[in-house]
Each structure stands twice: as C-alpha cells, then as structure tokens.
N, C-alpha and C. Protein backbone atom coordinates (compact mmCIF):
# COMPACT_ATOMS: atom_id res chain seq x y z
N MET A 1 94.30 89.91 98.76
CA MET A 1 95.64 89.14 98.96
C MET A 1 96.20 89.11 97.58
N GLY A 2 97.60 89.17 97.71
CA GLY A 2 98.46 89.02 96.28
C GLY A 2 98.51 87.69 95.88
N ASN A 3 98.86 87.49 94.61
CA ASN A 3 98.74 86.09 94.01
C ASN A 3 100.10 85.38 94.54
N ARG A 4 101.23 85.97 94.90
CA ARG A 4 102.41 85.33 95.33
C ARG A 4 101.98 84.76 96.83
N VAL A 5 101.25 85.56 97.65
CA VAL A 5 100.99 85.09 98.96
C VAL A 5 100.02 83.86 98.93
N ALA A 6 99.15 83.81 97.95
CA ALA A 6 98.20 82.60 97.88
C ALA A 6 98.94 81.41 97.30
N ARG A 7 100.11 81.56 96.84
CA ARG A 7 100.87 80.34 96.17
C ARG A 7 101.84 79.86 97.24
N VAL A 8 101.93 80.37 98.38
CA VAL A 8 102.90 79.95 99.46
C VAL A 8 102.54 78.51 99.85
N VAL A 9 101.66 78.11 100.22
CA VAL A 9 101.43 76.79 100.82
C VAL A 9 100.73 75.80 99.72
N PRO A 10 99.64 76.14 99.11
CA PRO A 10 99.06 75.17 98.23
C PRO A 10 99.98 74.71 97.02
N ALA A 11 99.79 73.39 96.82
CA ALA A 11 100.52 72.84 95.72
C ALA A 11 99.71 72.99 94.44
N SER A 12 100.02 72.76 93.27
CA SER A 12 99.44 72.78 92.11
C SER A 12 98.16 71.88 91.99
N GLU A 13 97.97 70.88 92.83
CA GLU A 13 96.80 70.11 93.00
C GLU A 13 96.22 69.94 94.53
N LEU A 14 95.24 69.89 94.77
CA LEU A 14 94.82 69.72 96.26
C LEU A 14 93.82 68.63 96.38
N LEU A 15 94.04 67.85 97.35
CA LEU A 15 93.01 66.68 97.60
C LEU A 15 92.21 67.27 98.82
N ARG A 16 90.89 67.64 98.64
CA ARG A 16 90.17 68.00 99.78
C ARG A 16 89.76 66.89 100.81
N LEU A 17 89.36 67.28 102.04
CA LEU A 17 88.83 66.31 102.92
C LEU A 17 87.57 65.47 102.48
N ASP A 18 86.94 65.95 101.57
CA ASP A 18 85.76 65.42 100.90
C ASP A 18 86.00 64.35 99.89
N GLY A 19 87.43 64.21 99.63
CA GLY A 19 87.96 63.21 98.53
C GLY A 19 88.06 63.79 97.27
N VAL A 20 87.78 65.05 96.99
CA VAL A 20 87.67 65.62 95.73
C VAL A 20 89.03 66.18 95.22
N TRP A 21 89.55 65.82 94.05
CA TRP A 21 90.93 66.50 93.50
C TRP A 21 90.55 67.76 92.91
N VAL A 22 91.25 68.89 93.31
CA VAL A 22 90.96 70.23 92.71
C VAL A 22 92.29 70.70 92.15
N ASP A 23 92.25 71.17 90.84
CA ASP A 23 93.54 71.83 90.22
C ASP A 23 93.05 72.96 89.40
N ASP A 24 93.96 73.49 88.54
CA ASP A 24 93.73 74.63 87.78
C ASP A 24 92.66 74.47 86.64
N GLY A 25 92.73 73.29 86.36
CA GLY A 25 91.44 72.77 85.39
C GLY A 25 89.98 73.05 85.86
N ASP A 26 89.93 73.18 87.19
CA ASP A 26 88.56 73.50 87.75
C ASP A 26 88.24 75.03 87.51
N TYR A 27 89.30 75.78 87.15
CA TYR A 27 88.95 77.26 87.18
C TYR A 27 89.40 77.61 85.64
N PRO A 28 88.59 77.82 84.66
CA PRO A 28 88.78 77.99 83.31
C PRO A 28 89.31 79.27 82.98
N GLY A 29 89.28 80.25 83.80
CA GLY A 29 89.82 81.68 83.51
C GLY A 29 89.13 82.08 82.23
N SER A 30 89.75 82.74 81.23
CA SER A 30 89.15 83.36 80.09
C SER A 30 88.78 82.32 79.06
N GLY A 31 89.30 80.98 79.15
CA GLY A 31 89.16 79.97 78.17
C GLY A 31 90.27 79.84 77.19
N ASN A 32 91.25 81.03 77.25
CA ASN A 32 92.44 81.04 76.24
C ASN A 32 93.35 80.06 76.99
N MET A 33 93.99 79.19 76.18
CA MET A 33 94.86 78.26 76.80
C MET A 33 96.18 78.83 77.41
N PHE A 34 96.54 80.08 76.83
CA PHE A 34 97.61 80.89 77.35
C PHE A 34 97.38 81.89 78.53
N ASP A 35 96.22 81.69 78.95
CA ASP A 35 95.78 82.65 79.92
C ASP A 35 95.97 81.87 81.39
N ASP A 36 96.91 82.52 82.16
CA ASP A 36 97.20 81.82 83.41
C ASP A 36 96.37 82.35 84.57
N SER A 37 95.18 83.09 84.31
CA SER A 37 94.50 83.67 85.37
C SER A 37 93.79 82.42 85.88
N ARG A 38 93.50 81.30 85.46
CA ARG A 38 92.98 80.15 86.00
C ARG A 38 93.88 79.70 87.23
N TRP A 39 95.14 79.75 87.14
CA TRP A 39 96.05 79.54 88.11
C TRP A 39 95.98 80.25 89.23
N ASP A 40 95.63 81.63 89.09
CA ASP A 40 95.44 82.64 90.13
C ASP A 40 94.19 82.32 90.89
N GLU A 41 93.15 81.90 90.20
CA GLU A 41 91.90 81.62 90.75
C GLU A 41 91.97 80.22 91.65
N TYR A 42 92.82 79.45 90.98
CA TYR A 42 92.90 78.14 91.75
C TYR A 42 93.66 78.28 93.06
N TYR A 43 94.68 79.02 93.06
CA TYR A 43 95.51 79.21 94.16
C TYR A 43 94.81 80.13 95.29
N ARG A 44 94.09 81.08 94.92
CA ARG A 44 93.39 81.80 95.82
C ARG A 44 92.11 80.97 96.35
N ALA A 45 91.51 80.10 95.71
CA ALA A 45 90.49 79.33 96.11
C ALA A 45 91.17 78.31 97.10
N ALA A 46 92.42 77.55 96.75
CA ALA A 46 93.03 76.66 97.61
C ALA A 46 93.49 77.12 98.78
N ASP A 47 94.15 78.29 98.70
CA ASP A 47 94.58 79.04 99.88
C ASP A 47 93.49 79.20 100.92
N ALA A 48 92.33 79.69 100.33
CA ALA A 48 91.13 80.05 101.23
C ALA A 48 90.68 78.68 101.94
N TYR A 49 90.68 77.57 101.24
CA TYR A 49 90.29 76.31 101.56
C TYR A 49 91.02 75.94 102.85
N LEU A 50 92.46 76.12 102.74
CA LEU A 50 93.32 75.49 103.52
C LEU A 50 93.24 76.50 104.88
N ASP A 51 93.08 77.83 104.80
CA ASP A 51 92.89 78.78 105.70
C ASP A 51 91.60 78.48 106.66
N ALA A 52 90.62 77.92 106.07
CA ALA A 52 89.39 77.51 106.65
C ALA A 52 89.32 76.32 107.37
N LEU A 53 90.49 75.36 107.31
CA LEU A 53 90.48 74.17 107.80
C LEU A 53 90.61 74.36 109.44
N PRO A 54 90.22 73.26 110.27
CA PRO A 54 90.24 73.47 111.62
C PRO A 54 91.79 73.53 112.06
N GLY A 55 92.00 74.28 113.23
CA GLY A 55 93.23 74.54 113.66
C GLY A 55 93.98 73.08 114.06
N ASP A 56 93.44 72.15 114.17
CA ASP A 56 94.05 70.85 114.56
C ASP A 56 94.31 70.05 113.26
N ALA A 57 94.00 70.45 112.09
CA ALA A 57 94.16 69.69 110.84
C ALA A 57 95.65 69.66 110.46
N TYR A 58 96.08 68.58 109.83
CA TYR A 58 97.40 68.53 109.24
C TYR A 58 97.38 68.77 107.79
N ILE A 59 98.32 69.46 107.27
CA ILE A 59 98.51 69.60 105.89
C ILE A 59 99.76 68.79 105.43
N VAL A 60 99.46 67.84 104.46
CA VAL A 60 100.66 67.07 103.95
C VAL A 60 100.87 67.48 102.50
N GLN A 61 102.12 67.77 102.15
CA GLN A 61 102.50 68.17 100.83
C GLN A 61 103.36 67.08 100.13
N ILE A 62 103.05 66.42 99.21
CA ILE A 62 103.67 65.39 98.59
C ILE A 62 104.14 65.72 97.12
N HIS A 63 105.43 65.49 96.85
CA HIS A 63 105.94 65.71 95.51
C HIS A 63 106.27 64.39 94.95
N ILE A 64 105.94 63.90 93.84
CA ILE A 64 106.29 62.76 93.13
C ILE A 64 106.82 62.93 91.87
N HIS A 65 108.01 62.34 91.67
CA HIS A 65 108.72 62.53 90.29
C HIS A 65 109.05 61.07 89.83
N SER A 66 108.85 60.89 88.39
CA SER A 66 109.22 59.65 87.97
C SER A 66 110.21 59.79 86.95
C-alpha cells in the first residue's frame, strides 16, 4: 500500500477502542528527529487498525484548534 493511501482516513493521532492513544511517537523510525519514516509507520498501522474494525463501527475524526 502506498503512503498516500494509508494517510487518507487516519488523523495524526488515534484513540483506539481499548482507550490507548497512538501517534507517530510510538513509531521511532531511525531515531533521527528529521526522519519522517515514523509517520509512514504510524499511518500504515493506524490505517490497518481502522480497516480491521467491525463493519458497524463508527469512525469519528475531531480537529481542535485553539
């Protein structure tokens, strides 16, 4: 799956059904602060998680700006 496809639905953070918040910080990539591969890993994992939800699950995306 391409990186662009994996980023279509997931936001930059995900609250899973088990109450755990997940974001790019959970995927360290190479450890280089300028290496964006951690985002690619996060989006692939978040997209796979959302795809595996039951068909009757609701996905809610919230953007908060202050």
